[in-house]
mmCIF file of all heavy atoms, coordinates in Angstrom:
data_MODEL
# 
_entry.id   MODEL 
# 
loop_
_atom_site.group_PDB 
_atom_site.id 
_atom_site.type_symbol 
_atom_site.label_atom_id 
_atom_site.label_alt_id 
_atom_site.label_comp_id 
_atom_site.label_asym_id 
_atom_site.label_entity_id 
_atom_site.label_seq_id 
_atom_site.pdbx_PDB_ins_code 
_atom_site.Cartn_x 
_atom_site.Cartn_y 
_atom_site.Cartn_z 
_atom_site.occupancy 
_atom_site.B_iso_or_equiv 
_atom_site.pdbx_formal_charge 
_atom_site.auth_seq_id 
_atom_site.auth_comp_id 
_atom_site.auth_asym_id 
_atom_site.auth_atom_id 
_atom_site.pdbx_PDB_model_num 
ATOM 1   N N   . GLN A 1 1  ? 106.823 -14.671 106.693 1.00 0.00 ? 1  GLN A N   1 
ATOM 2   C CA  . GLN A 1 1  ? 105.846 -14.359 105.647 1.00 0.00 ? 1  GLN A CA  1 
ATOM 3   C C   . GLN A 1 1  ? 106.211 -15.044 104.329 1.00 0.00 ? 1  GLN A C   1 
ATOM 4   O O   . GLN A 1 1  ? 105.347 -15.571 103.637 1.00 0.00 ? 1  GLN A O   1 
ATOM 5   C CB  . GLN A 1 1  ? 105.755 -12.843 105.408 1.00 0.00 ? 1  GLN A CB  1 
ATOM 6   C CG  . GLN A 1 1  ? 105.124 -12.080 106.543 1.00 0.00 ? 1  GLN A CG  1 
ATOM 7   C CD  . GLN A 1 1  ? 106.076 -11.885 107.717 1.00 0.00 ? 1  GLN A CD  1 
ATOM 8   O OE1 . GLN A 1 1  ? 107.228 -11.502 107.535 1.00 0.00 ? 1  GLN A OE1 1 
ATOM 9   N NE2 . GLN A 1 1  ? 105.612 -12.176 108.916 1.00 0.00 ? 1  GLN A NE2 1 
ATOM 10  N N   . ARG A 1 2  ? 107.495 -15.031 103.983 1.00 0.00 ? 2  ARG A N   1 
ATOM 11  C CA  . ARG A 1 2  ? 107.908 -15.553 102.671 1.00 0.00 ? 2  ARG A CA  1 
ATOM 12  C C   . ARG A 1 2  ? 107.905 -17.081 102.611 1.00 0.00 ? 2  ARG A C   1 
ATOM 13  O O   . ARG A 1 2  ? 107.560 -17.647 101.579 1.00 0.00 ? 2  ARG A O   1 
ATOM 14  C CB  . ARG A 1 2  ? 109.279 -14.996 102.316 1.00 0.00 ? 2  ARG A CB  1 
ATOM 15  C CG  . ARG A 1 2  ? 109.246 -13.515 102.015 1.00 0.00 ? 2  ARG A CG  1 
ATOM 16  C CD  . ARG A 1 2  ? 110.564 -12.969 101.487 1.00 0.00 ? 2  ARG A CD  1 
ATOM 17  N NE  . ARG A 1 2  ? 110.409 -11.560 101.194 1.00 0.00 ? 2  ARG A NE  1 
ATOM 18  C CZ  . ARG A 1 2  ? 110.868 -10.575 101.974 1.00 0.00 ? 2  ARG A CZ  1 
ATOM 19  N NH1 . ARG A 1 2  ? 111.536 -10.862 103.080 1.00 0.00 ? 2  ARG A NH1 1 
ATOM 20  N NH2 . ARG A 1 2  ? 110.671 -9.310  101.640 1.00 0.00 ? 2  ARG A NH2 1 
ATOM 21  N N   . LEU A 1 3  ? 108.285 -17.761 103.682 1.00 0.00 ? 3  LEU A N   1 
ATOM 22  C CA  . LEU A 1 3  ? 108.308 -19.223 103.642 1.00 0.00 ? 3  LEU A CA  1 
ATOM 23  C C   . LEU A 1 3  ? 106.907 -19.809 103.428 1.00 0.00 ? 3  LEU A C   1 
ATOM 24  O O   . LEU A 1 3  ? 106.745 -20.683 102.572 1.00 0.00 ? 3  LEU A O   1 
ATOM 25  C CB  . LEU A 1 3  ? 108.971 -19.795 104.899 1.00 0.00 ? 3  LEU A CB  1 
ATOM 26  C CG  . LEU A 1 3  ? 109.153 -21.317 104.899 1.00 0.00 ? 3  LEU A CG  1 
ATOM 27  C CD1 . LEU A 1 3  ? 110.084 -21.765 103.764 1.00 0.00 ? 3  LEU A CD1 1 
ATOM 28  C CD2 . LEU A 1 3  ? 109.687 -21.788 106.250 1.00 0.00 ? 3  LEU A CD2 1 
ATOM 29  N N   . PRO A 1 4  ? 105.871 -19.341 104.147 1.00 0.00 ? 4  PRO A N   1 
ATOM 30  C CA  . PRO A 1 4  ? 104.528 -19.894 103.890 1.00 0.00 ? 4  PRO A CA  1 
ATOM 31  C C   . PRO A 1 4  ? 104.045 -19.662 102.462 1.00 0.00 ? 4  PRO A C   1 
ATOM 32  O O   . PRO A 1 4  ? 103.363 -20.508 101.886 1.00 0.00 ? 4  PRO A O   1 
ATOM 33  C CB  . PRO A 1 4  ? 103.625 -19.164 104.886 1.00 0.00 ? 4  PRO A CB  1 
ATOM 34  C CG  . PRO A 1 4  ? 104.530 -18.640 105.926 1.00 0.00 ? 4  PRO A CG  1 
ATOM 35  C CD  . PRO A 1 4  ? 105.865 -18.420 105.287 1.00 0.00 ? 4  PRO A CD  1 
ATOM 36  N N   . ARG A 1 5  ? 104.404 -18.530 101.880 1.00 0.00 ? 5  ARG A N   1 
ATOM 37  C CA  . ARG A 1 5  ? 104.014 -18.267 100.493 1.00 0.00 ? 5  ARG A CA  1 
ATOM 38  C C   . ARG A 1 5  ? 104.695 -19.232 99.542  1.00 0.00 ? 5  ARG A C   1 
ATOM 39  O O   . ARG A 1 5  ? 104.187 -19.504 98.464  1.00 0.00 ? 5  ARG A O   1 
ATOM 40  C CB  . ARG A 1 5  ? 104.362 -16.832 100.112 1.00 0.00 ? 5  ARG A CB  1 
ATOM 41  C CG  . ARG A 1 5  ? 103.515 -15.800 100.805 1.00 0.00 ? 5  ARG A CG  1 
ATOM 42  C CD  . ARG A 1 5  ? 103.887 -14.392 100.399 1.00 0.00 ? 5  ARG A CD  1 
ATOM 43  N NE  . ARG A 1 5  ? 103.173 -13.433 101.219 1.00 0.00 ? 5  ARG A NE  1 
ATOM 44  C CZ  . ARG A 1 5  ? 103.715 -12.336 101.715 1.00 0.00 ? 5  ARG A CZ  1 
ATOM 45  N NH1 . ARG A 1 5  ? 104.969 -12.037 101.455 1.00 0.00 ? 5  ARG A NH1 1 
ATOM 46  N NH2 . ARG A 1 5  ? 103.001 -11.516 102.446 1.00 0.00 ? 5  ARG A NH2 1 
ATOM 47  N N   . CYS A 1 6  ? 105.834 -19.717 99.954  1.00 0.00 ? 6  CYS A N   1 
ATOM 48  C CA  . CYS A 1 6  ? 106.642 -20.598 99.105  1.00 0.00 ? 6  CYS A CA  1 
ATOM 49  C C   . CYS A 1 6  ? 106.240 -22.065 99.256  1.00 0.00 ? 6  CYS A C   1 
ATOM 50  O O   . CYS A 1 6  ? 106.104 -22.771 98.252  1.00 0.00 ? 6  CYS A O   1 
ATOM 51  C CB  . CYS A 1 6  ? 108.108 -20.395 99.485  1.00 0.00 ? 6  CYS A CB  1 
ATOM 52  S SG  . CYS A 1 6  ? 109.290 -21.055 98.350  1.00 0.00 ? 6  CYS A SG  1 
ATOM 53  N N   . VAL A 1 7  ? 106.051 -22.530 100.477 1.00 0.00 ? 7  VAL A N   1 
ATOM 54  C CA  . VAL A 1 7  ? 105.825 -23.966 100.711 1.00 0.00 ? 7  VAL A CA  1 
ATOM 55  C C   . VAL A 1 7  ? 104.468 -24.286 101.326 1.00 0.00 ? 7  VAL A C   1 
ATOM 56  O O   . VAL A 1 7  ? 104.155 -25.456 101.525 1.00 0.00 ? 7  VAL A O   1 
ATOM 57  C CB  . VAL A 1 7  ? 106.947 -24.585 101.583 1.00 0.00 ? 7  VAL A CB  1 
ATOM 58  C CG1 . VAL A 1 7  ? 108.308 -24.403 100.935 1.00 0.00 ? 7  VAL A CG1 1 
ATOM 59  C CG2 . VAL A 1 7  ? 106.936 -24.033 103.000 1.00 0.00 ? 7  VAL A CG2 1 
ATOM 60  N N   . GLY A 1 8  ? 103.687 -23.265 101.647 1.00 0.00 ? 8  GLY A N   1 
ATOM 61  C CA  . GLY A 1 8  ? 102.410 -23.484 102.302 1.00 0.00 ? 8  GLY A CA  1 
ATOM 62  C C   . GLY A 1 8  ? 102.506 -23.259 103.806 1.00 0.00 ? 8  GLY A C   1 
ATOM 63  O O   . GLY A 1 8  ? 103.579 -23.387 104.398 1.00 0.00 ? 8  GLY A O   1 
ATOM 64  N N   . ILE A 1 9  ? 101.373 -22.936 104.401 1.00 0.00 ? 9  ILE A N   1 
ATOM 65  C CA  . ILE A 1 9  ? 101.350 -22.553 105.821 1.00 0.00 ? 9  ILE A CA  1 
ATOM 66  C C   . ILE A 1 9  ? 101.754 -23.705 106.741 1.00 0.00 ? 9  ILE A C   1 
ATOM 67  O O   . ILE A 1 9  ? 102.597 -23.536 107.624 1.00 0.00 ? 9  ILE A O   1 
ATOM 68  C CB  . ILE A 1 9  ? 99.959  -22.015 106.209 1.00 0.00 ? 9  ILE A CB  1 
ATOM 69  C CG1 . ILE A 1 9  ? 99.701  -20.694 105.488 1.00 0.00 ? 9  ILE A CG1 1 
ATOM 70  C CG2 . ILE A 1 9  ? 99.848  -21.821 107.720 1.00 0.00 ? 9  ILE A CG2 1 
ATOM 71  C CD1 . ILE A 1 9  ? 98.279  -20.176 105.628 1.00 0.00 ? 9  ILE A CD1 1 
ATOM 72  N N   . GLY A 1 10 ? 101.165 -24.880 106.539 1.00 0.00 ? 10 GLY A N   1 
ATOM 73  C CA  . GLY A 1 10 ? 101.438 -26.000 107.445 1.00 0.00 ? 10 GLY A CA  1 
ATOM 74  C C   . GLY A 1 10 ? 102.895 -26.407 107.443 1.00 0.00 ? 10 GLY A C   1 
ATOM 75  O O   . GLY A 1 10 ? 103.499 -26.595 108.502 1.00 0.00 ? 10 GLY A O   1 
ATOM 76  N N   . LEU A 1 11 ? 103.476 -26.549 106.268 1.00 0.00 ? 11 LEU A N   1 
ATOM 77  C CA  . LEU A 1 11 ? 104.882 -26.944 106.179 1.00 0.00 ? 11 LEU A CA  1 
ATOM 78  C C   . LEU A 1 11 ? 105.794 -25.848 106.709 1.00 0.00 ? 11 LEU A C   1 
ATOM 79  O O   . LEU A 1 11 ? 106.776 -26.129 107.402 1.00 0.00 ? 11 LEU A O   1 
ATOM 80  C CB  . LEU A 1 11 ? 105.242 -27.316 104.738 1.00 0.00 ? 11 LEU A CB  1 
ATOM 81  C CG  . LEU A 1 11 ? 106.631 -27.888 104.512 1.00 0.00 ? 11 LEU A CG  1 
ATOM 82  C CD1 . LEU A 1 11 ? 106.921 -29.079 105.432 1.00 0.00 ? 11 LEU A CD1 1 
ATOM 83  C CD2 . LEU A 1 11 ? 106.796 -28.302 103.049 1.00 0.00 ? 11 LEU A CD2 1 
ATOM 84  N N   . ALA A 1 12 ? 105.446 -24.594 106.431 1.00 0.00 ? 12 ALA A N   1 
ATOM 85  C CA  . ALA A 1 12 ? 106.257 -23.484 106.955 1.00 0.00 ? 12 ALA A CA  1 
ATOM 86  C C   . ALA A 1 12 ? 106.246 -23.491 108.487 1.00 0.00 ? 12 ALA A C   1 
ATOM 87  O O   . ALA A 1 12 ? 107.298 -23.318 109.120 1.00 0.00 ? 12 ALA A O   1 
ATOM 88  C CB  . ALA A 1 12 ? 105.738 -22.155 106.422 1.00 0.00 ? 12 ALA A CB  1 
ATOM 89  N N   . LYS A 1 13 ? 105.085 -23.701 109.067 1.00 0.00 ? 13 LYS A N   1 
ATOM 90  C CA  . LYS A 1 13 ? 105.006 -23.758 110.532 1.00 0.00 ? 13 LYS A CA  1 
ATOM 91  C C   . LYS A 1 13 ? 105.858 -24.897 111.066 1.00 0.00 ? 13 LYS A C   1 
ATOM 92  O O   . LYS A 1 13 ? 106.591 -24.730 112.046 1.00 0.00 ? 13 LYS A O   1 
ATOM 93  C CB  . LYS A 1 13 ? 103.554 -23.912 110.989 1.00 0.00 ? 13 LYS A CB  1 
ATOM 94  C CG  . LYS A 1 13 ? 102.746 -22.646 110.842 1.00 0.00 ? 13 LYS A CG  1 
ATOM 95  C CD  . LYS A 1 13 ? 101.309 -22.864 111.302 1.00 0.00 ? 13 LYS A CD  1 
ATOM 96  C CE  . LYS A 1 13 ? 100.504 -21.579 111.201 1.00 0.00 ? 13 LYS A CE  1 
ATOM 97  N NZ  . LYS A 1 13 ? 99.107  -21.767 111.637 1.00 0.00 ? 13 LYS A NZ  1 
ATOM 98  N N   . GLU A 1 14 ? 105.758 -26.049 110.429 1.00 0.00 ? 14 GLU A N   1 
ATOM 99  C CA  . GLU A 1 14 ? 106.560 -27.195 110.875 1.00 0.00 ? 14 GLU A CA  1 
ATOM 100 C C   . GLU A 1 14 ? 108.052 -26.878 110.810 1.00 0.00 ? 14 GLU A C   1 
ATOM 101 O O   . GLU A 1 14 ? 108.797 -27.152 111.766 1.00 0.00 ? 14 GLU A O   1 
ATOM 102 C CB  . GLU A 1 14 ? 106.237 -28.412 110.014 1.00 0.00 ? 14 GLU A CB  1 
ATOM 103 C CG  . GLU A 1 14 ? 107.014 -29.662 110.408 1.00 0.00 ? 14 GLU A CG  1 
ATOM 104 C CD  . GLU A 1 14 ? 106.659 -30.872 109.566 1.00 0.00 ? 14 GLU A CD  1 
ATOM 105 O OE1 . GLU A 1 14 ? 105.539 -30.937 109.010 1.00 0.00 ? 14 GLU A OE1 1 
ATOM 106 O OE2 . GLU A 1 14 ? 107.514 -31.774 109.479 1.00 0.00 ? 14 GLU A OE2 1 
ATOM 107 N N   . LEU A 1 15 ? 108.499 -26.311 109.711 1.00 0.00 ? 15 LEU A N   1 
ATOM 108 C CA  . LEU A 1 15 ? 109.925 -26.021 109.545 1.00 0.00 ? 15 LEU A CA  1 
ATOM 109 C C   . LEU A 1 15 ? 110.402 -24.969 110.540 1.00 0.00 ? 15 LEU A C   1 
ATOM 110 O O   . LEU A 1 15 ? 111.483 -25.091 111.108 1.00 0.00 ? 15 LEU A O   1 
ATOM 111 C CB  . LEU A 1 15 ? 110.222 -25.577 108.108 1.00 0.00 ? 15 LEU A CB  1 
ATOM 112 C CG  . LEU A 1 15 ? 110.056 -26.653 107.041 1.00 0.00 ? 15 LEU A CG  1 
ATOM 113 C CD1 . LEU A 1 15 ? 110.184 -26.053 105.645 1.00 0.00 ? 15 LEU A CD1 1 
ATOM 114 C CD2 . LEU A 1 15 ? 111.062 -27.783 107.241 1.00 0.00 ? 15 LEU A CD2 1 
ATOM 115 N N   . ILE A 1 16 ? 109.586 -23.942 110.764 1.00 0.00 ? 16 ILE A N   1 
ATOM 116 C CA  . ILE A 1 16 ? 109.979 -22.895 111.711 1.00 0.00 ? 16 ILE A CA  1 
ATOM 117 C C   . ILE A 1 16 ? 109.885 -23.393 113.151 1.00 0.00 ? 16 ILE A C   1 
ATOM 118 O O   . ILE A 1 16 ? 110.797 -23.170 113.953 1.00 0.00 ? 16 ILE A O   1 
ATOM 119 C CB  . ILE A 1 16 ? 109.132 -21.620 111.498 1.00 0.00 ? 16 ILE A CB  1 
ATOM 120 C CG1 . ILE A 1 16 ? 109.510 -20.972 110.151 1.00 0.00 ? 16 ILE A CG1 1 
ATOM 121 C CG2 . ILE A 1 16 ? 109.322 -20.636 112.651 1.00 0.00 ? 16 ILE A CG2 1 
ATOM 122 C CD1 . ILE A 1 16 ? 108.591 -19.846 109.704 1.00 0.00 ? 16 ILE A CD1 1 
ATOM 123 N N   . PHE A 1 17 ? 108.803 -24.094 113.502 1.00 0.00 ? 17 PHE A N   1 
ATOM 124 C CA  . PHE A 1 17 ? 108.642 -24.581 114.876 1.00 0.00 ? 17 PHE A CA  1 
ATOM 125 C C   . PHE A 1 17 ? 109.746 -25.547 115.270 1.00 0.00 ? 17 PHE A C   1 
ATOM 126 O O   . PHE A 1 17 ? 110.194 -25.558 116.411 1.00 0.00 ? 17 PHE A O   1 
ATOM 127 C CB  . PHE A 1 17 ? 107.296 -25.275 115.059 1.00 0.00 ? 17 PHE A CB  1 
ATOM 128 C CG  . PHE A 1 17 ? 106.074 -24.402 114.892 1.00 0.00 ? 17 PHE A CG  1 
ATOM 129 C CD1 . PHE A 1 17 ? 104.819 -24.980 114.814 1.00 0.00 ? 17 PHE A CD1 1 
ATOM 130 C CD2 . PHE A 1 17 ? 106.161 -23.016 114.813 1.00 0.00 ? 17 PHE A CD2 1 
ATOM 131 C CE1 . PHE A 1 17 ? 103.678 -24.210 114.664 1.00 0.00 ? 17 PHE A CE1 1 
ATOM 132 C CE2 . PHE A 1 17 ? 105.026 -22.233 114.642 1.00 0.00 ? 17 PHE A CE2 1 
ATOM 133 C CZ  . PHE A 1 17 ? 103.784 -22.827 114.578 1.00 0.00 ? 17 PHE A CZ  1 
ATOM 134 N N   . THR A 1 18 ? 110.170 -26.414 114.338 1.00 0.00 ? 18 THR A N   1 
ATOM 135 C CA  . THR A 1 18 ? 111.190 -27.420 114.649 1.00 0.00 ? 18 THR A CA  1 
ATOM 136 C C   . THR A 1 18 ? 112.611 -26.930 114.422 1.00 0.00 ? 18 THR A C   1 
ATOM 137 O O   . THR A 1 18 ? 113.549 -27.509 114.949 1.00 0.00 ? 18 THR A O   1 
ATOM 138 C CB  . THR A 1 18 ? 110.996 -28.689 113.791 1.00 0.00 ? 18 THR A CB  1 
ATOM 139 O OG1 . THR A 1 18 ? 111.190 -28.358 112.415 1.00 0.00 ? 18 THR A OG1 1 
ATOM 140 C CG2 . THR A 1 18 ? 109.629 -29.312 114.023 1.00 0.00 ? 18 THR A CG2 1 
ATOM 141 N N   . GLY A 1 19 ? 112.771 -25.875 113.609 1.00 0.00 ? 19 GLY A N   1 
ATOM 142 C CA  . GLY A 1 19 ? 114.118 -25.418 113.248 1.00 0.00 ? 19 GLY A CA  1 
ATOM 143 C C   . GLY A 1 19 ? 114.835 -26.413 112.351 1.00 0.00 ? 19 GLY A C   1 
ATOM 144 O O   . GLY A 1 19 ? 116.055 -26.383 112.239 1.00 0.00 ? 19 GLY A O   1 
ATOM 145 N N   . ARG A 1 20 ? 114.073 -27.289 111.720 1.00 0.00 ? 20 ARG A N   1 
ATOM 146 C CA  . ARG A 1 20 ? 114.646 -28.364 110.887 1.00 0.00 ? 20 ARG A CA  1 
ATOM 147 C C   . ARG A 1 20 ? 115.414 -27.807 109.693 1.00 0.00 ? 20 ARG A C   1 
ATOM 148 O O   . ARG A 1 20 ? 115.011 -26.832 109.075 1.00 0.00 ? 20 ARG A O   1 
ATOM 149 C CB  . ARG A 1 20 ? 113.526 -29.273 110.392 1.00 0.00 ? 20 ARG A CB  1 
ATOM 150 C CG  . ARG A 1 20 ? 114.027 -30.464 109.573 1.00 0.00 ? 20 ARG A CG  1 
ATOM 151 C CD  . ARG A 1 20 ? 112.916 -31.369 109.080 1.00 0.00 ? 20 ARG A CD  1 
ATOM 152 N NE  . ARG A 1 20 ? 112.059 -31.773 110.187 1.00 0.00 ? 20 ARG A NE  1 
ATOM 153 C CZ  . ARG A 1 20 ? 110.734 -31.777 110.132 1.00 0.00 ? 20 ARG A CZ  1 
ATOM 154 N NH1 . ARG A 1 20 ? 110.102 -31.428 109.035 1.00 0.00 ? 20 ARG A NH1 1 
ATOM 155 N NH2 . ARG A 1 20 ? 110.027 -32.151 111.182 1.00 0.00 ? 20 ARG A NH2 1 
ATOM 156 N N   . GLN A 1 21 ? 116.515 -28.481 109.385 1.00 0.00 ? 21 GLN A N   1 
ATOM 157 C CA  . GLN A 1 21 ? 117.277 -28.195 108.179 1.00 0.00 ? 21 GLN A CA  1 
ATOM 158 C C   . GLN A 1 21 ? 116.931 -29.226 107.115 1.00 0.00 ? 21 GLN A C   1 
ATOM 159 O O   . GLN A 1 21 ? 116.720 -30.400 107.438 1.00 0.00 ? 21 GLN A O   1 
ATOM 160 C CB  . GLN A 1 21 ? 118.786 -28.260 108.460 1.00 0.00 ? 21 GLN A CB  1 
ATOM 161 C CG  . GLN A 1 21 ? 119.271 -27.198 109.416 1.00 0.00 ? 21 GLN A CG  1 
ATOM 162 C CD  . GLN A 1 21 ? 120.754 -27.293 109.669 1.00 0.00 ? 21 GLN A CD  1 
ATOM 163 O OE1 . GLN A 1 21 ? 121.525 -27.595 108.767 1.00 0.00 ? 21 GLN A OE1 1 
ATOM 164 N NE2 . GLN A 1 21 ? 121.162 -27.023 110.902 1.00 0.00 ? 21 GLN A NE2 1 
ATOM 165 N N   . VAL A 1 22 ? 116.850 -28.778 105.872 1.00 0.00 ? 22 VAL A N   1 
ATOM 166 C CA  . VAL A 1 22 ? 116.587 -29.680 104.752 1.00 0.00 ? 22 VAL A CA  1 
ATOM 167 C C   . VAL A 1 22 ? 117.705 -29.531 103.737 1.00 0.00 ? 22 VAL A C   1 
ATOM 168 O O   . VAL A 1 22 ? 118.348 -28.485 103.648 1.00 0.00 ? 22 VAL A O   1 
ATOM 169 C CB  . VAL A 1 22 ? 115.211 -29.397 104.098 1.00 0.00 ? 22 VAL A CB  1 
ATOM 170 C CG1 . VAL A 1 22 ? 114.077 -29.646 105.081 1.00 0.00 ? 22 VAL A CG1 1 
ATOM 171 C CG2 . VAL A 1 22 ? 115.134 -27.989 103.534 1.00 0.00 ? 22 VAL A CG2 1 
ATOM 172 N N   . ASP A 1 23 ? 117.938 -30.607 102.970 1.00 0.00 ? 23 ASP A N   1 
ATOM 173 C CA  . ASP A 1 23 ? 118.945 -30.511 101.917 1.00 0.00 ? 23 ASP A CA  1 
ATOM 174 C C   . ASP A 1 23 ? 118.289 -29.991 100.640 1.00 0.00 ? 23 ASP A C   1 
ATOM 175 O O   . ASP A 1 23 ? 117.077 -29.771 100.571 1.00 0.00 ? 23 ASP A O   1 
ATOM 176 C CB  . ASP A 1 23 ? 119.665 -31.844 101.703 1.00 0.00 ? 23 ASP A CB  1 
ATOM 177 C CG  . ASP A 1 23 ? 118.779 -32.956 101.179 1.00 0.00 ? 23 ASP A CG  1 
ATOM 178 O OD1 . ASP A 1 23 ? 117.761 -32.685 100.510 1.00 0.00 ? 23 ASP A OD1 1 
ATOM 179 O OD2 . ASP A 1 23 ? 119.132 -34.132 101.424 1.00 0.00 ? 23 ASP A OD2 1 
ATOM 180 N N   . GLY A 1 24 ? 119.091 -29.784 99.618  1.00 0.00 ? 24 GLY A N   1 
ATOM 181 C CA  . GLY A 1 24 ? 118.606 -29.216 98.377  1.00 0.00 ? 24 GLY A CA  1 
ATOM 182 C C   . GLY A 1 24 ? 117.533 -30.046 97.713  1.00 0.00 ? 24 GLY A C   1 
ATOM 183 O O   . GLY A 1 24 ? 116.558 -29.502 97.166  1.00 0.00 ? 24 GLY A O   1 
ATOM 184 N N   . GLN A 1 25 ? 117.674 -31.356 97.749  1.00 0.00 ? 25 GLN A N   1 
ATOM 185 C CA  . GLN A 1 25 ? 116.682 -32.223 97.126  1.00 0.00 ? 25 GLN A CA  1 
ATOM 186 C C   . GLN A 1 25 ? 115.357 -32.164 97.874  1.00 0.00 ? 25 GLN A C   1 
ATOM 187 O O   . GLN A 1 25 ? 114.292 -32.100 97.266  1.00 0.00 ? 25 GLN A O   1 
ATOM 188 C CB  . GLN A 1 25 ? 117.194 -33.666 97.045  1.00 0.00 ? 25 GLN A CB  1 
ATOM 189 C CG  . GLN A 1 25 ? 116.384 -34.541 96.113  1.00 0.00 ? 25 GLN A CG  1 
ATOM 190 C CD  . GLN A 1 25 ? 116.308 -33.994 94.686  1.00 0.00 ? 25 GLN A CD  1 
ATOM 191 O OE1 . GLN A 1 25 ? 117.309 -33.660 94.076  1.00 0.00 ? 25 GLN A OE1 1 
ATOM 192 N NE2 . GLN A 1 25 ? 115.099 -33.887 94.156  1.00 0.00 ? 25 GLN A NE2 1 
# 
């Protein structure tokens, strides 16, 4: 719930579906 509110639904789905890690930048 919190990630989509922060970055948007599409990007949140991508990040959760892939389990991708991102750096601070």
